[in-house]
Amino acid sequence: MFEPKSTLQRLVDTFGYVPHYIKKASTTADPLERFKLTITALIAPIHLCTSQLKPFNPILGETLQYRFPDGSKMYCEHISHHPPISNLLMEDADKKYTFNGSIEMTASMTSNVKYLVAG
């Protein structure tokens, strides 16, 4: 039922493509190409989010620090349990970009079955 990772580790995995594409975008002069690279950075990890295993919930105040192979750093902290909210900060090693934000995890279970009502 659970995968051997916490939500913070899954967050780092999701942002794994960002350093590659955002660094290219930060050095590109053409605005359209920069836009395409930024969108690619956000769309690239979608396949990682399709796992059906649930990550472990981090403890309130739990932190995670990660250094990507290119030297970029990511810092995460779990700040709320209900609803689960985590803050993040990502910095490029060459100071080309820095961004931060928070992510609120939500889940729901629904059915895609349509019921026919006999009339």
C-alpha atoms as a PDB file:
ATOM      1  CA  MET A   1       0.000   0.000   0.000  1.00  0.00           C
ATOM      2  CA  PHE A   2       2.842   2.414   0.829  1.00  0.00           C
ATOM      3  CA  GLU A   3       5.955   3.133  -1.186  1.00  0.00           C
ATOM      4  CA  PRO A   4       9.212   3.440   0.790  1.00  0.00           C
ATOM      5  CA  LYS A   5       9.363   7.243   0.393  1.00  0.00           C
ATOM      6  CA  SER A   6       7.869  10.208   2.189  1.00  0.00           C
ATOM      7  CA  THR A   7       5.846  12.939   0.521  1.00  0.00           C
ATOM      8  CA  LEU A   8       8.901  15.235   0.716  1.00  0.00           C
ATOM      9  CA  GLN A   9      11.017  12.696  -1.195  1.00  0.00           C
ATOM     10  CA  ARG A  10       8.268  12.396  -3.798  1.00  0.00           C
ATOM     11  CA  LEU A  11       8.276  16.214  -4.075  1.00  0.00           C
ATOM     12  CA  VAL A  12      12.009  16.206  -4.838  1.00  0.00           C
ATOM     13  CA  ASP A  13      11.479  13.475  -7.447  1.00  0.00           C
ATOM     14  CA  THR A  14       8.760  15.570  -9.088  1.00  0.00           C
ATOM     15  CA  PHE A  15      11.108  18.550  -9.392  1.00  0.00           C
ATOM     16  CA  GLY A  16      13.953  16.431 -10.800  1.00  0.00           C
ATOM     17  CA  TYR A  17      13.603  17.835 -14.335  1.00  0.00           C
ATOM     18  CA  VAL A  18      13.404  21.463 -13.255  1.00  0.00           C
ATOM     19  CA  PRO A  19      17.156  22.219 -12.971  1.00  0.00           C
ATOM     20  CA  HIS A  20      17.818  20.978 -16.506  1.00  0.00           C
ATOM     21  CA  TYR A  21      15.049  22.902 -18.284  1.00  0.00           C
ATOM     22  CA  ILE A  22      14.921  26.041 -16.116  1.00  0.00           C
ATOM     23  CA  LYS A  23      18.689  26.539 -16.394  1.00  0.00           C
ATOM     24  CA  LYS A  24      18.348  26.399 -20.190  1.00  0.00           C
ATOM     25  CA  ALA A  25      15.404  28.808 -20.013  1.00  0.00           C
ATOM     26  CA  SER A  26      17.385  31.255 -17.869  1.00  0.00           C
ATOM     27  CA  THR A  27      20.110  31.506 -20.527  1.00  0.00           C
ATOM     28  CA  THR A  28      17.762  31.742 -23.539  1.00  0.00           C
ATOM     29  CA  ALA A  29      17.090  35.189 -24.984  1.00  0.00           C
ATOM     30  CA  ASP A  30      14.047  34.235 -27.080  1.00  0.00           C
ATOM     31  CA  PRO A  31      10.885  34.663 -24.926  1.00  0.00           C
ATOM     32  CA  LEU A  32       8.932  31.963 -26.787  1.00  0.00           C
ATOM     33  CA  GLU A  33      11.740  29.412 -26.377  1.00  0.00           C
ATOM     34  CA  ARG A  34      12.054  30.359 -22.682  1.00  0.00           C
ATOM     35  CA  PHE A  35       8.291  29.820 -22.275  1.00  0.00           C
ATOM     36  CA  LYS A  36       8.477  26.405 -23.975  1.00  0.00           C
ATOM     37  CA  LEU A  37      11.356  25.292 -21.744  1.00  0.00           C
ATOM     38  CA  THR A  38       9.505  26.429 -18.618  1.00  0.00           C
ATOM     39  CA  ILE A  39       6.355  24.544 -19.610  1.00  0.00           C
ATOM     40  CA  THR A  40       8.458  21.468 -20.433  1.00  0.00           C
ATOM     41  CA  ALA A  41       9.978  21.582 -16.931  1.00  0.00           C
ATOM     42  CA  LEU A  42       6.484  21.476 -15.443  1.00  0.00           C
ATOM     43  CA  ILE A  43       5.060  18.806 -17.748  1.00  0.00           C
ATOM     44  CA  ALA A  44       8.084  16.454 -17.835  1.00  0.00           C
ATOM     45  CA  PRO A  45       7.507  14.843 -14.396  1.00  0.00           C
ATOM     46  CA  ILE A  46       3.801  14.045 -14.905  1.00  0.00           C
ATOM     47  CA  HIS A  47       4.613  10.381 -15.554  1.00  0.00           C
ATOM     48  CA  LEU A  48       6.133  10.201 -12.053  1.00  0.00           C
ATOM     49  CA  CYS A  49       2.819  11.185 -10.448  1.00  0.00           C
ATOM     50  CA  THR A  50       0.873   8.218 -11.787  1.00  0.00           C
ATOM     51  CA  SER A  51       2.074   5.780  -9.140  1.00  0.00           C
ATOM     52  CA  GLN A  52      -0.747   4.160  -7.214  1.00  0.00           C
ATOM     53  CA  LEU A  53       1.323   3.635  -4.094  1.00  0.00           C
ATOM     54  CA  LYS A  54       0.869   6.135  -1.281  1.00  0.00           C
ATOM     55  CA  PRO A  55       3.964   7.866   0.119  1.00  0.00           C
ATOM     56  CA  PHE A  56       4.405   8.109   3.883  1.00  0.00           C
ATOM     57  CA  ASN A  57       3.204  11.322   5.522  1.00  0.00           C
ATOM     58  CA  PRO A  58       6.095  13.400   6.875  1.00  0.00           C
ATOM     59  CA  ILE A  59       6.153  14.428  10.516  1.00  0.00           C
ATOM     60  CA  LEU A  60       5.154  18.042  11.196  1.00  0.00           C
ATOM     61  CA  GLY A  61       8.343  20.117  10.927  1.00  0.00           C
ATOM     62  CA  GLU A  62      10.242  17.413   9.016  1.00  0.00           C
ATOM     63  CA  THR A  63      12.764  18.838   6.539  1.00  0.00           C
ATOM     64  CA  LEU A  64      14.564  17.487   3.510  1.00  0.00           C
ATOM     65  CA  GLN A  65      17.625  18.921   1.781  1.00  0.00           C
ATOM     66  CA  TYR A  66      18.690  17.652  -1.628  1.00  0.00           C
ATOM     67  CA  ARG A  67      21.501  18.473  -4.050  1.00  0.00           C
ATOM     68  CA  PHE A  68      20.817  17.669  -7.725  1.00  0.00           C
ATOM     69  CA  PRO A  69      23.659  16.334  -9.928  1.00  0.00           C
ATOM     70  CA  ASP A  70      24.138  19.800 -11.511  1.00  0.00           C
ATOM     71  CA  GLY A  71      24.653  21.392  -8.067  1.00  0.00           C
ATOM     72  CA  SER A  72      21.174  22.894  -7.700  1.00  0.00           C
ATOM     73  CA  LYS A  73      19.752  22.614  -4.181  1.00  0.00           C
ATOM     74  CA  MET A  74      16.234  22.021  -2.924  1.00  0.00           C
ATOM     75  CA  TYR A  75      14.995  22.547   0.611  1.00  0.00           C
ATOM     76  CA  CYS A  76      11.584  21.268   1.772  1.00  0.00           C
ATOM     77  CA  GLU A  77       9.703  21.495   5.079  1.00  0.00           C
ATOM     78  CA  HIS A  78       6.387  19.959   6.062  1.00  0.00           C
ATOM     79  CA  ILE A  79       4.443  22.760   7.789  1.00  0.00           C
ATOM     80  CA  SER A  80       0.872  21.447   8.192  1.00  0.00           C
ATOM     81  CA  HIS A  81      -0.621  18.013   8.754  1.00  0.00           C
ATOM     82  CA  HIS A  82      -4.332  18.667   8.024  1.00  0.00           C
ATOM     83  CA  PRO A  83      -4.317  19.664   5.213  1.00  0.00           C
ATOM     84  CA  PRO A  84      -0.820  18.395   4.341  1.00  0.00           C
ATOM     85  CA  ILE A  85       1.217  21.408   3.207  1.00  0.00           C
ATOM     86  CA  SER A  86       4.935  21.541   2.413  1.00  0.00           C
ATOM     87  CA  ASN A  87       7.094  24.569   1.603  1.00  0.00           C
ATOM     88  CA  LEU A  88       9.974  24.386  -0.849  1.00  0.00           C
ATOM     89  CA  LEU A  89      12.921  26.476  -1.993  1.00  0.00           C
ATOM     90  CA  MET A  90      15.031  25.636  -5.029  1.00  0.00           C
ATOM     91  CA  GLU A  91      18.305  27.407  -5.863  1.00  0.00           C
ATOM     92  CA  ASP A  92      20.599  27.045  -8.846  1.00  0.00           C
ATOM     93  CA  ALA A  93      24.289  26.522  -8.077  1.00  0.00           C
ATOM     94  CA  ASP A  94      25.184  29.287 -10.591  1.00  0.00           C
ATOM     95  CA  LYS A  95      22.547  31.711  -9.194  1.00  0.00           C
ATOM     96  CA  LYS A  96      20.656  31.675 -12.541  1.00  0.00           C
ATOM     97  CA  TYR A  97      17.303  31.110 -10.820  1.00  0.00           C
ATOM     98  CA  THR A  98      15.675  30.737  -7.427  1.00  0.00           C
ATOM     99  CA  PHE A  99      12.089  29.884  -6.721  1.00  0.00           C
ATOM    100  CA  ASN A 100       9.952  28.973  -3.755  1.00  0.00           C
ATOM    101  CA  GLY A 101       6.409  27.950  -3.032  1.00  0.00           C
ATOM    102  CA  SER A 102       4.138  25.675  -1.082  1.00  0.00           C
ATOM    103  CA  ILE A 103       2.280  22.565  -2.106  1.00  0.00           C
ATOM    104  CA  GLU A 104      -0.940  21.319  -0.566  1.00  0.00           C
ATOM    105  CA  MET A 105      -1.610  17.626  -1.120  1.00  0.00           C
ATOM    106  CA  THR A 106      -5.222  16.646  -1.751  1.00  0.00           C
ATOM    107  CA  ALA A 107      -6.755  13.303  -2.590  1.00  0.00           C
ATOM    108  CA  SER A 108     -10.188  12.084  -3.487  1.00  0.00           C
ATOM    109  CA  MET A 109     -11.781   8.872  -4.599  1.00  0.00           C
ATOM    110  CA  THR A 110     -14.457   8.958  -7.250  1.00  0.00           C
ATOM    111  CA  SER A 111     -15.928   6.639  -9.782  1.00  0.00           C
ATOM    112  CA  ASN A 112     -16.109   7.103 -13.504  1.00  0.00           C
ATOM    113  CA  VAL A 113     -19.133   4.812 -13.748  1.00  0.00           C
ATOM    114  CA  LYS A 114     -22.309   6.534 -14.922  1.00  0.00           C
ATOM    115  CA  TYR A 115     -25.509   5.159 -13.505  1.00  0.00           C
ATOM    116  CA  LEU A 116     -28.573   4.865 -15.678  1.00  0.00           C
ATOM    117  CA  VAL A 117     -31.851   5.684 -14.039  1.00  0.00           C
ATOM    118  CA  ALA A 118     -34.778   3.686 -15.363  1.00  0.00           C
ATOM    119  CA  GLY A 119     -37.739   5.915 -15.992  1.00  0.00           C
END
